[in-house]
C-alpha atoms as a PDB file:
ATOM      1  CA  MET A   1      22.737 -14.359  -9.641  1.00  0.00           C
ATOM      2  CA  THR A   2      24.378 -17.008  -7.414  1.00  0.00           C
ATOM      3  CA  SER A   3      22.516 -19.848  -5.706  1.00  0.00           C
ATOM      4  CA  ALA A   4      23.026 -18.025  -2.401  1.00  0.00           C
ATOM      5  CA  ASP A   5      21.456 -14.881  -3.872  1.00  0.00           C
ATOM      6  CA  LEU A   6      18.517 -16.920  -5.180  1.00  0.00           C
ATOM      7  CA  GLY A   7      18.038 -18.469  -1.763  1.00  0.00           C
ATOM      8  CA  ASP A   8      18.106 -15.075  -0.075  1.00  0.00           C
ATOM      9  CA  ARG A   9      15.561 -13.758  -2.582  1.00  0.00           C
ATOM     10  CA  ARG A  10      13.257 -16.736  -2.027  1.00  0.00           C
ATOM     11  CA  GLU A  11      13.425 -16.243   1.728  1.00  0.00           C
ATOM     12  CA  LEU A  12      12.676 -12.528   1.326  1.00  0.00           C
ATOM     13  CA  LEU A  13       9.682 -13.193  -0.913  1.00  0.00           C
ATOM     14  CA  ASN A  14       8.433 -15.852   1.505  1.00  0.00           C
ATOM     15  CA  ARG A  15       8.731 -13.306   4.323  1.00  0.00           C
ATOM     16  CA  LEU A  16       6.623 -10.875   2.327  1.00  0.00           C
ATOM     17  CA  GLU A  17       4.045 -13.617   1.625  1.00  0.00           C
ATOM     18  CA  ARG A  18       3.671 -14.274   5.346  1.00  0.00           C
ATOM     19  CA  TYR A  19       3.186 -10.543   5.857  1.00  0.00           C
ATOM     20  CA  TYR A  20       0.585 -10.277   3.081  1.00  0.00           C
ATOM     21  CA  ASP A  21      -1.353 -13.111   4.685  1.00  0.00           C
ATOM     22  CA  ALA A  22      -1.129 -11.659   8.192  1.00  0.00           C
ATOM     23  CA  VAL A  23      -1.744  -7.932   7.735  1.00  0.00           C
ATOM     24  CA  PRO A  24      -5.436  -8.001   6.663  1.00  0.00           C
ATOM     25  CA  ARG A  25      -6.439 -10.306   9.497  1.00  0.00           C
ATOM     26  CA  SER A  26      -6.768  -7.468  12.027  1.00  0.00           C
ATOM     27  CA  ASP A  27      -9.742  -6.132  10.024  1.00  0.00           C
ATOM     28  CA  ALA A  28     -10.946  -9.079   7.961  1.00  0.00           C
ATOM     29  CA  ARG A  29     -12.118 -12.661   8.033  1.00  0.00           C
ATOM     30  CA  VAL A  30     -10.767 -15.186   5.555  1.00  0.00           C
ATOM     31  CA  GLU A  31     -12.663 -17.573   3.299  1.00  0.00           C
ATOM     32  CA  ASP A  32     -10.787 -20.529   1.807  1.00  0.00           C
ATOM     33  CA  PHE A  33     -11.069 -21.247  -1.928  1.00  0.00           C
ATOM     34  CA  GLY A  34      -8.358 -23.885  -2.247  1.00  0.00           C
ATOM     35  CA  PRO A  35      -5.443 -22.131  -3.982  1.00  0.00           C
ATOM     36  CA  LEU A  36      -6.908 -18.719  -3.146  1.00  0.00           C
ATOM     37  CA  SER A  37      -7.822 -16.902   0.065  1.00  0.00           C
ATOM     38  CA  LEU A  38     -10.486 -14.190   0.065  1.00  0.00           C
ATOM     39  CA  PHE A  39     -10.104 -11.513   2.736  1.00  0.00           C
ATOM     40  CA  ILE A  40     -13.436  -9.934   3.679  1.00  0.00           C
ATOM     41  CA  ARG A  41     -13.494  -6.796   5.776  1.00  0.00           C
ATOM     42  CA  GLU A  42     -15.343  -6.749   9.063  1.00  0.00           C
ATOM     43  CA  GLY A  43     -17.410  -3.562   9.383  1.00  0.00           C
ATOM     44  CA  GLN A  44     -16.550  -0.382   7.482  1.00  0.00           C
ATOM     45  CA  GLY A  45     -13.242   0.433   5.876  1.00  0.00           C
ATOM     46  CA  TRP A  46     -11.125  -0.391   2.878  1.00  0.00           C
ATOM     47  CA  PRO A  47     -12.365  -3.470   0.974  1.00  0.00           C
ATOM     48  CA  PHE A  48      -9.834  -6.275   0.770  1.00  0.00           C
ATOM     49  CA  TYR A  49      -8.944  -8.693  -2.021  1.00  0.00           C
ATOM     50  CA  ALA A  50      -8.182 -12.303  -2.837  1.00  0.00           C
ATOM     51  CA  ARG A  51      -4.645 -13.610  -3.062  1.00  0.00           C
ATOM     52  CA  PRO A  52      -2.803 -16.949  -3.188  1.00  0.00           C
ATOM     53  CA  ALA A  53      -3.348 -19.095  -0.098  1.00  0.00           C
ATOM     54  CA  LEU A  54      -0.253 -19.065   2.095  1.00  0.00           C
ATOM     55  CA  GLY A  55       1.908 -22.087   1.322  1.00  0.00           C
ATOM     56  CA  TRP A  56      -0.144 -23.248  -1.687  1.00  0.00           C
ATOM     57  CA  SER A  57       2.085 -24.973  -4.237  1.00  0.00           C
ATOM     58  CA  GLY A  58      -0.460 -26.629  -6.549  1.00  0.00           C
ATOM     59  CA  GLU A  59      -2.189 -25.453  -9.689  1.00  0.00           C
ATOM     60  CA  VAL A  60      -4.682 -22.611  -9.973  1.00  0.00           C
ATOM     61  CA  SER A  61      -7.281 -22.354 -12.725  1.00  0.00           C
ATOM     62  CA  ALA A  62      -9.648 -19.816 -14.223  1.00  0.00           C
ATOM     63  CA  ALA A  63     -12.446 -21.782 -12.558  1.00  0.00           C
ATOM     64  CA  ASP A  64     -10.820 -21.148  -9.146  1.00  0.00           C
ATOM     65  CA  VAL A  65     -10.650 -17.447  -9.946  1.00  0.00           C
ATOM     66  CA  ASN A  66     -14.273 -17.345 -11.074  1.00  0.00           C
ATOM     67  CA  ARG A  67     -15.437 -19.064  -7.870  1.00  0.00           C
ATOM     68  CA  VAL A  68     -13.865 -16.219  -5.907  1.00  0.00           C
ATOM     69  CA  ARG A  69     -15.297 -13.588  -8.254  1.00  0.00           C
ATOM     70  CA  SER A  70     -18.771 -15.048  -7.785  1.00  0.00           C
ATOM     71  CA  ARG A  71     -18.392 -14.763  -4.019  1.00  0.00           C
ATOM     72  CA  GLN A  72     -17.088 -11.188  -4.315  1.00  0.00           C
ATOM     73  CA  ARG A  73     -20.124 -10.215  -6.397  1.00  0.00           C
ATOM     74  CA  GLU A  74     -22.388 -11.891  -3.844  1.00  0.00           C
ATOM     75  CA  LEU A  75     -20.772  -9.834  -1.078  1.00  0.00           C
ATOM     76  CA  GLY A  76     -20.841  -6.616  -3.119  1.00  0.00           C
ATOM     77  CA  VAL A  77     -17.078  -6.072  -2.866  1.00  0.00           C
ATOM     78  CA  PRO A  78     -14.592  -5.284  -5.659  1.00  0.00           C
ATOM     79  CA  GLU A  79     -13.476  -8.243  -7.767  1.00  0.00           C
ATOM     80  CA  SER A  80      -9.824  -7.681  -6.903  1.00  0.00           C
ATOM     81  CA  PHE A  81      -6.833 -10.032  -6.719  1.00  0.00           C
ATOM     82  CA  GLU A  82      -3.321  -9.163  -5.545  1.00  0.00           C
ATOM     83  CA  TRP A  83      -0.149 -11.248  -5.620  1.00  0.00           C
ATOM     84  CA  VAL A  84       3.590 -11.254  -6.355  1.00  0.00           C
ATOM     85  CA  ALA A  85       4.466 -12.441  -9.868  1.00  0.00           C
ATOM     86  CA  GLU A  86       7.583 -14.329  -8.810  1.00  0.00           C
ATOM     87  CA  THR A  87       5.830 -16.142  -5.950  1.00  0.00           C
ATOM     88  CA  ALA A  88       2.731 -17.302  -7.866  1.00  0.00           C
ATOM     89  CA  PRO A  89       3.774 -17.295 -11.538  1.00  0.00           C
ATOM     90  CA  ALA A  90       0.820 -19.411 -12.725  1.00  0.00           C
ATOM     91  CA  LEU A  91      -1.856 -17.099 -11.346  1.00  0.00           C
ATOM     92  CA  ARG A  92      -1.564 -14.443 -14.051  1.00  0.00           C
ATOM     93  CA  ALA A  93      -2.626 -16.846 -16.807  1.00  0.00           C
ATOM     94  CA  ALA A  94      -5.581 -18.032 -14.707  1.00  0.00           C
ATOM     95  CA  VAL A  95      -6.900 -14.529 -13.968  1.00  0.00           C
ATOM     96  CA  GLU A  96      -6.451 -13.438 -17.577  1.00  0.00           C
ATOM     97  CA  GLN A  97      -8.336 -16.525 -18.747  1.00  0.00           C
ATOM     98  CA  ALA A  98     -11.080 -15.483 -16.326  1.00  0.00           C
ATOM     99  CA  GLY A  99     -11.293 -12.139 -18.151  1.00  0.00           C
ATOM    100  CA  LEU A 100      -9.531  -9.842 -15.696  1.00  0.00           C
ATOM    101  CA  ALA A 101      -7.135  -6.984 -16.439  1.00  0.00           C
ATOM    102  CA  VAL A 102      -3.701  -7.318 -14.824  1.00  0.00           C
ATOM    103  CA  HIS A 103      -1.359  -4.449 -14.055  1.00  0.00           C
ATOM    104  CA  GLY A 104       2.053  -4.585 -12.406  1.00  0.00           C
ATOM    105  CA  HIS A 105       4.038  -2.416 -10.013  1.00  0.00           C
ATOM    106  CA  PRO A 106       7.698  -2.560  -8.974  1.00  0.00           C
ATOM    107  CA  LEU A 107       7.962  -4.373  -5.606  1.00  0.00           C
ATOM    108  CA  MET A 108      10.732  -2.691  -3.634  1.00  0.00           C
ATOM    109  CA  VAL A 109      12.439  -3.531  -0.344  1.00  0.00           C
ATOM    110  CA  LEU A 110      14.664  -1.688   2.107  1.00  0.00           C
ATOM    111  CA  GLY A 111      16.371  -4.540   3.900  1.00  0.00           C
ATOM    112  CA  PRO A 112      17.951  -4.617   7.373  1.00  0.00           C
ATOM    113  CA  ASP A 113      21.405  -4.176   5.799  1.00  0.00           C
ATOM    114  CA  VAL A 114      20.476  -0.691   4.502  1.00  0.00           C
ATOM    115  CA  SER A 115      20.581   2.303   6.818  1.00  0.00           C
ATOM    116  CA  ALA A 116      17.392   4.290   7.252  1.00  0.00           C
ATOM    117  CA  PRO A 117      17.473   7.488   5.150  1.00  0.00           C
ATOM    118  CA  ALA A 118      17.840  10.806   6.901  1.00  0.00           C
ATOM    119  CA  VAL A 119      14.563  12.575   7.683  1.00  0.00           C
ATOM    120  CA  PRO A 120      14.553  16.327   6.977  1.00  0.00           C
ATOM    121  CA  GLU A 121      12.622  18.404   9.503  1.00  0.00           C
ATOM    122  CA  VAL A 122      11.501  20.828   6.815  1.00  0.00           C
ATOM    123  CA  VAL A 123      11.300  20.222   3.064  1.00  0.00           C
ATOM    124  CA  GLY A 124       9.640  22.314   0.372  1.00  0.00           C
ATOM    125  CA  GLY A 125       8.287  24.660   3.029  1.00  0.00           C
ATOM    126  CA  ALA A 126       6.553  21.835   4.936  1.00  0.00           C
ATOM    127  CA  VAL A 127       7.311  20.261   8.313  1.00  0.00           C
ATOM    128  CA  VAL A 128       7.701  16.481   8.155  1.00  0.00           C
ATOM    129  CA  ARG A 129       6.348  14.621  11.182  1.00  0.00           C
ATOM    130  CA  SER A 130       4.363  11.687  12.499  1.00  0.00           C
ATOM    131  CA  VAL A 131       0.637  12.155  13.006  1.00  0.00           C
ATOM    132  CA  SER A 132      -0.868  11.195  16.365  1.00  0.00           C
ATOM    133  CA  PRO A 133      -4.453   9.925  16.817  1.00  0.00           C
ATOM    134  CA  ASP A 134      -5.766  13.300  18.014  1.00  0.00           C
ATOM    135  CA  ASP A 135      -3.686  15.449  15.675  1.00  0.00           C
ATOM    136  CA  PRO A 136      -5.947  17.956  13.845  1.00  0.00           C
ATOM    137  CA  VAL A 137      -3.959  17.302  10.656  1.00  0.00           C
ATOM    138  CA  LEU A 138      -5.166  13.681  10.492  1.00  0.00           C
ATOM    139  CA  PRO A 139      -8.281  14.374   8.322  1.00  0.00           C
ATOM    140  CA  SER A 140      -6.226  16.117   5.635  1.00  0.00           C
ATOM    141  CA  ALA A 141      -3.500  13.443   5.903  1.00  0.00           C
ATOM    142  CA  LEU A 142      -6.107  10.838   4.958  1.00  0.00           C
ATOM    143  CA  ALA A 143      -7.879  12.965   2.339  1.00  0.00           C
ATOM    144  CA  VAL A 144      -4.785  14.027   0.393  1.00  0.00           C
ATOM    145  CA  ALA A 145      -4.240  10.501  -0.945  1.00  0.00           C
ATOM    146  CA  HIS A 146      -7.623  10.560  -2.703  1.00  0.00           C
ATOM    147  CA  LEU A 147      -6.631  13.632  -4.686  1.00  0.00           C
ATOM    148  CA  ALA A 148      -3.125  12.317  -5.342  1.00  0.00           C
ATOM    149  CA  PHE A 149      -4.299   8.988  -6.769  1.00  0.00           C
ATOM    150  CA  ALA A 150      -7.051  10.660  -8.803  1.00  0.00           C
ATOM    151  CA  GLU A 151      -4.224  12.449 -10.679  1.00  0.00           C
ATOM    152  CA  PRO A 152      -1.536   9.752 -10.939  1.00  0.00           C
ATOM    153  CA  GLY A 153       2.045  10.433 -11.867  1.00  0.00           C
ATOM    154  CA  THR A 154       4.753  12.768 -10.635  1.00  0.00           C
ATOM    155  CA  ASP A 155       3.937  15.904 -12.628  1.00  0.00           C
ATOM    156  CA  VAL A 156       2.383  18.947 -10.960  1.00  0.00           C
ATOM    157  CA  GLY A 157      -1.394  18.637 -11.255  1.00  0.00           C
ATOM    158  CA  ALA A 158      -4.554  20.687 -10.889  1.00  0.00           C
ATOM    159  CA  ALA A 159      -5.997  19.733  -7.479  1.00  0.00           C
ATOM    160  CA  GLY A 160      -4.869  22.052  -4.686  1.00  0.00           C
ATOM    161  CA  LEU A 161      -5.833  23.340  -1.266  1.00  0.00           C
ATOM    162  CA  THR A 162      -9.405  24.220  -2.281  1.00  0.00           C
ATOM    163  CA  GLU A 163     -10.035  20.674  -3.470  1.00  0.00           C
ATOM    164  CA  LEU A 164      -8.336  19.244  -0.396  1.00  0.00           C
ATOM    165  CA  ALA A 165     -10.575  21.267   1.941  1.00  0.00           C
ATOM    166  CA  ARG A 166     -13.631  20.087  -0.010  1.00  0.00           C
ATOM    167  CA  THR A 167     -12.510  16.451   0.213  1.00  0.00           C
ATOM    168  CA  VAL A 168     -12.009  16.747   3.976  1.00  0.00           C
ATOM    169  CA  ARG A 169     -15.537  18.157   4.315  1.00  0.00           C
ATOM    170  CA  ASP A 170     -17.029  15.486   2.062  1.00  0.00           C
ATOM    171  CA  ARG A 171     -15.384  12.694   4.057  1.00  0.00           C
ATOM    172  CA  ALA A 172     -16.378  14.086   7.458  1.00  0.00           C
ATOM    173  CA  GLY A 173     -18.630  11.623   9.220  1.00  0.00           C
ATOM    174  CA  ASP A 174     -17.730   8.618   7.045  1.00  0.00           C
ATOM    175  CA  GLY A 175     -15.839   7.033   9.947  1.00  0.00           C
ATOM    176  CA  SER A 176     -12.434   6.950   8.233  1.00  0.00           C
ATOM    177  CA  VAL A 177     -10.770   9.280  10.736  1.00  0.00           C
ATOM    178  CA  GLU A 178     -12.144   7.345  13.698  1.00  0.00           C
ATOM    179  CA  ARG A 179     -11.001   4.035  12.206  1.00  0.00           C
ATOM    180  CA  MET A 180      -7.516   5.402  11.636  1.00  0.00           C
ATOM    181  CA  LYS A 181      -7.349   6.795  15.172  1.00  0.00           C
ATOM    182  CA  ALA A 182      -8.098   3.321  16.493  1.00  0.00           C
ATOM    183  CA  ARG A 183      -5.449   1.728  14.250  1.00  0.00           C
ATOM    184  CA  ILE A 184      -2.802   4.251  15.310  1.00  0.00           C
ATOM    185  CA  GLN A 185      -3.622   3.713  18.976  1.00  0.00           C
ATOM    186  CA  ALA A 186      -3.403  -0.068  18.516  1.00  0.00           C
ATOM    187  CA  GLY A 187      -0.020   0.199  16.787  1.00  0.00           C
ATOM    188  CA  LEU A 188      -1.411  -1.252  13.542  1.00  0.00           C
ATOM    189  CA  THR A 189      -0.714   1.836  11.424  1.00  0.00           C
ATOM    190  CA  CYS A 190       1.642   4.817  11.544  1.00  0.00           C
ATOM    191  CA  VAL A 191       0.834   7.984   9.598  1.00  0.00           C
ATOM    192  CA  ALA A 192       3.425  10.587   8.601  1.00  0.00           C
ATOM    193  CA  ALA A 193       2.821  13.842   6.775  1.00  0.00           C
ATOM    194  CA  ALA A 194       4.445  16.947   5.334  1.00  0.00           C
ATOM    195  CA  VAL A 195       2.455  19.775   6.906  1.00  0.00           C
ATOM    196  CA  THR A 196       2.045  23.475   6.105  1.00  0.00           C
ATOM    197  CA  ASP A 197      -0.303  25.746   8.074  1.00  0.00           C
ATOM    198  CA  GLY A 198      -1.983  22.765   9.728  1.00  0.00           C
ATOM    199  CA  VAL A 199      -2.706  20.969   6.437  1.00  0.00           C
ATOM    200  CA  ALA A 200      -1.060  17.817   5.088  1.00  0.00           C
ATOM    201  CA  LEU A 201       0.329  18.425   1.611  1.00  0.00           C
ATOM    202  CA  CYS A 202       1.652  14.868   1.461  1.00  0.00           C
ATOM    203  CA  ALA A 203       1.044  11.838   3.664  1.00  0.00           C
ATOM    204  CA  GLY A 204       1.575   8.100   3.849  1.00  0.00           C
ATOM    205  CA  GLN A 205       1.328   5.133   6.185  1.00  0.00           C
ATOM    206  CA  HIS A 206       3.141   1.995   7.211  1.00  0.00           C
ATOM    207  CA  GLN A 207       1.584  -1.092   8.778  1.00  0.00           C
ATOM    208  CA  PRO A 208       3.959  -3.159  10.942  1.00  0.00           C
ATOM    209  CA  VAL A 209       3.531  -6.867  11.571  1.00  0.00           C
ATOM    210  CA  GLY A 210       6.453  -8.162  13.601  1.00  0.00           C
ATOM    211  CA  ALA A 211       9.731  -7.395  11.838  1.00  0.00           C
ATOM    212  CA  VAL A 212       8.099  -6.466   8.500  1.00  0.00           C
ATOM    213  CA  SER A 213       6.117  -3.408   7.455  1.00  0.00           C
ATOM    214  CA  GLU A 214       4.662  -2.147   4.200  1.00  0.00           C
ATOM    215  CA  ILE A 215       4.589   1.536   3.282  1.00  0.00           C
ATOM    216  CA  VAL A 216       1.259   2.346   1.644  1.00  0.00           C
ATOM    217  CA  GLY A 217      -0.757   5.284   0.386  1.00  0.00           C
ATOM    218  CA  VAL A 218       2.045   7.836  -0.026  1.00  0.00           C
ATOM    219  CA  GLY A 219       0.459  10.661  -1.994  1.00  0.00           C
ATOM    220  CA  THR A 220       1.169  14.338  -2.595  1.00  0.00           C
ATOM    221  CA  LEU A 221      -1.367  17.051  -3.302  1.00  0.00           C
ATOM    222  CA  PRO A 222      -1.009  17.492  -7.094  1.00  0.00           C
ATOM    223  CA  THR A 223      -0.216  21.222  -6.903  1.00  0.00           C
ATOM    224  CA  ALA A 224       2.511  20.514  -4.294  1.00  0.00           C
ATOM    225  CA  ARG A 225       4.462  17.957  -6.344  1.00  0.00           C
ATOM    226  CA  ARG A 226       8.115  18.259  -7.341  1.00  0.00           C
ATOM    227  CA  ARG A 227       9.124  19.574  -3.904  1.00  0.00           C
ATOM    228  CA  GLY A 228      10.553  16.383  -2.406  1.00  0.00           C
ATOM    229  CA  LEU A 229       7.616  15.858  -0.066  1.00  0.00           C
ATOM    230  CA  ALA A 230       6.916  12.199  -0.873  1.00  0.00           C
ATOM    231  CA  GLN A 231      10.555  11.253  -0.458  1.00  0.00           C
ATOM    232  CA  ALA A 232      10.692  13.001   2.928  1.00  0.00           C
ATOM    233  CA  VAL A 233       7.454  11.392   4.140  1.00  0.00           C
ATOM    234  CA  THR A 234       8.731   7.968   3.080  1.00  0.00           C
ATOM    235  CA  ALA A 235      11.962   8.567   5.000  1.00  0.00           C
ATOM    236  CA  ALA A 236       9.911   9.476   8.086  1.00  0.00           C
ATOM    237  CA  LEU A 237       7.878   6.274   7.756  1.00  0.00           C
ATOM    238  CA  VAL A 238      11.054   4.189   7.458  1.00  0.00           C
ATOM    239  CA  ALA A 239      12.493   5.864  10.539  1.00  0.00           C
ATOM    240  CA  ASP A 240       9.323   5.168  12.510  1.00  0.00           C
ATOM    241  CA  ALA A 241       9.289   1.538  11.353  1.00  0.00           C
ATOM    242  CA  ARG A 242      12.893   1.021  12.401  1.00  0.00           C
ATOM    243  CA  SER A 243      12.138   2.592  15.793  1.00  0.00           C
ATOM    244  CA  ARG A 244       9.490  -0.139  16.268  1.00  0.00           C
ATOM    245  CA  GLY A 245      11.966  -2.939  15.561  1.00  0.00           C
ATOM    246  CA  VAL A 246      10.992  -3.452  11.925  1.00  0.00           C
ATOM    247  CA  GLU A 247      13.854  -4.905   9.891  1.00  0.00           C
ATOM    248  CA  THR A 248      12.300  -5.237   6.421  1.00  0.00           C
ATOM    249  CA  VAL A 249      10.369  -2.300   4.970  1.00  0.00           C
ATOM    250  CA  PHE A 250       8.767  -2.705   1.565  1.00  0.00           C
ATOM    251  CA  LEU A 251       6.373  -1.000  -0.835  1.00  0.00           C
ATOM    252  CA  SER A 252       4.857  -1.224  -4.307  1.00  0.00           C
ATOM    253  CA  ALA A 253       5.667   1.750  -6.514  1.00  0.00           C
ATOM    254  CA  SER A 254       2.930   2.892  -8.876  1.00  0.00           C
ATOM    255  CA  ASP A 255       5.306   3.001 -11.861  1.00  0.00           C
ATOM    256  CA  ASP A 256       8.975   3.176 -12.820  1.00  0.00           C
ATOM    257  CA  ALA A 257       9.152   6.954 -12.374  1.00  0.00           C
ATOM    258  CA  VAL A 258       7.957   6.678  -8.780  1.00  0.00           C
ATOM    259  CA  ALA A 259      10.260   3.689  -8.246  1.00  0.00           C
ATOM    260  CA  ARG A 260      13.235   5.914  -9.049  1.00  0.00           C
ATOM    261  CA  ILE A 261      12.245   8.208  -6.169  1.00  0.00           C
ATOM    262  CA  TYR A 262      12.238   5.291  -3.745  1.00  0.00           C
ATOM    263  CA  ALA A 263      15.522   3.981  -5.158  1.00  0.00           C
ATOM    264  CA  ARG A 264      17.167   7.226  -4.037  1.00  0.00           C
ATOM    265  CA  LEU A 265      16.228   6.256  -0.471  1.00  0.00           C
ATOM    266  CA  GLY A 266      17.871   2.840  -0.792  1.00  0.00           C
ATOM    267  CA  PHE A 267      14.905   0.690  -1.834  1.00  0.00           C
ATOM    268  CA  ARG A 268      15.711  -2.005  -4.404  1.00  0.00           C
ATOM    269  CA  THR A 269      13.348  -3.798  -6.747  1.00  0.00           C
ATOM    270  CA  VAL A 270      12.926  -7.484  -5.864  1.00  0.00           C
ATOM    271  CA  GLY A 271       9.885  -8.435  -7.938  1.00  0.00           C
ATOM    272  CA  THR A 272       6.588  -7.300  -9.390  1.00  0.00           C
ATOM    273  CA  ALA A 273       3.381  -6.792  -7.430  1.00  0.00           C
ATOM    274  CA  LEU A 274       0.360  -7.634  -9.584  1.00  0.00           C
ATOM    275  CA  ILE A 275      -3.250  -6.474  -9.260  1.00  0.00           C
ATOM    276  CA  ALA A 276      -6.112  -7.965 -11.284  1.00  0.00           C
ATOM    277  CA  GLU A 277      -9.639  -6.629 -11.616  1.00  0.00           C
ATOM    278  CA  PRO A 278     -12.375  -6.461 -14.254  1.00  0.00           C
ATOM    279  CA  PHE A 279     -11.662  -4.119 -17.169  1.00  0.00           C
ATOM    280  CA  GLU A 280     -14.747  -2.042 -16.374  1.00  0.00           C
ATOM    281  CA  GLN A 281     -13.740  -1.798 -12.704  1.00  0.00           C
ATOM    282  CA  ARG A 282     -10.262  -0.698 -13.766  1.00  0.00           C
ATOM    283  CA  LEU A 283     -11.785   2.209 -15.694  1.00  0.00           C
ATOM    284  CA  VAL A 284     -13.846   3.535 -12.763  1.00  0.00           C
END
């Protein structure tokens, strides 16, 4: 790798760091712990995490990590830390010394020099489209991820339409649909889905901040896997991001097998996204 390539990579990773620091702030307040920032959600919704403070270049210790963990326990939120290995290389040793389990995921980017992949209108018998705030498919588009991530991997699984309908019913009234409607209306999140008979068999989101957006939560109903749905939904999310002026689209693949799917769309691996949490929390 040439010095120019290294410089380009550093600038890209710095761009992602600025995004990581900015994106939670629409729903969270930030508490400063020196080398670490703890994002704390305001109201209901997905609990956030701690990560390296933007621009921090000093040391980080197990004691720093434990100070944050103590505050997380006090708040009753998950003891979770997220960061990029190449940006904060010393943090892994500190969190492991603090007794946390660390797991990594390929960090992949579709840069402005790569054309957006083509979006099929229909794939695997499903229509691929964006989901509006009042779209009746929105509840299933949010619920399908819970079933997908409960059965990780790319193989066809057990959970199907019956389980999806039950999950939608169980989540009714928890406020998640209303929160997502508000985020879509505010331009903070875009949802895309592969839909059959008014039900999302696969769905995902992207969250734009300026010229950068992260694709998150792409999941396929386990019985509907191996039909190209996730790839098509990802292509739709990229197309939507580009239509909003986003230049850099990135994501964290769950494993190498999933990373190969994204590579077919033009994403390239630029680093490793790391997540740390207690061993017992990891098993839940």
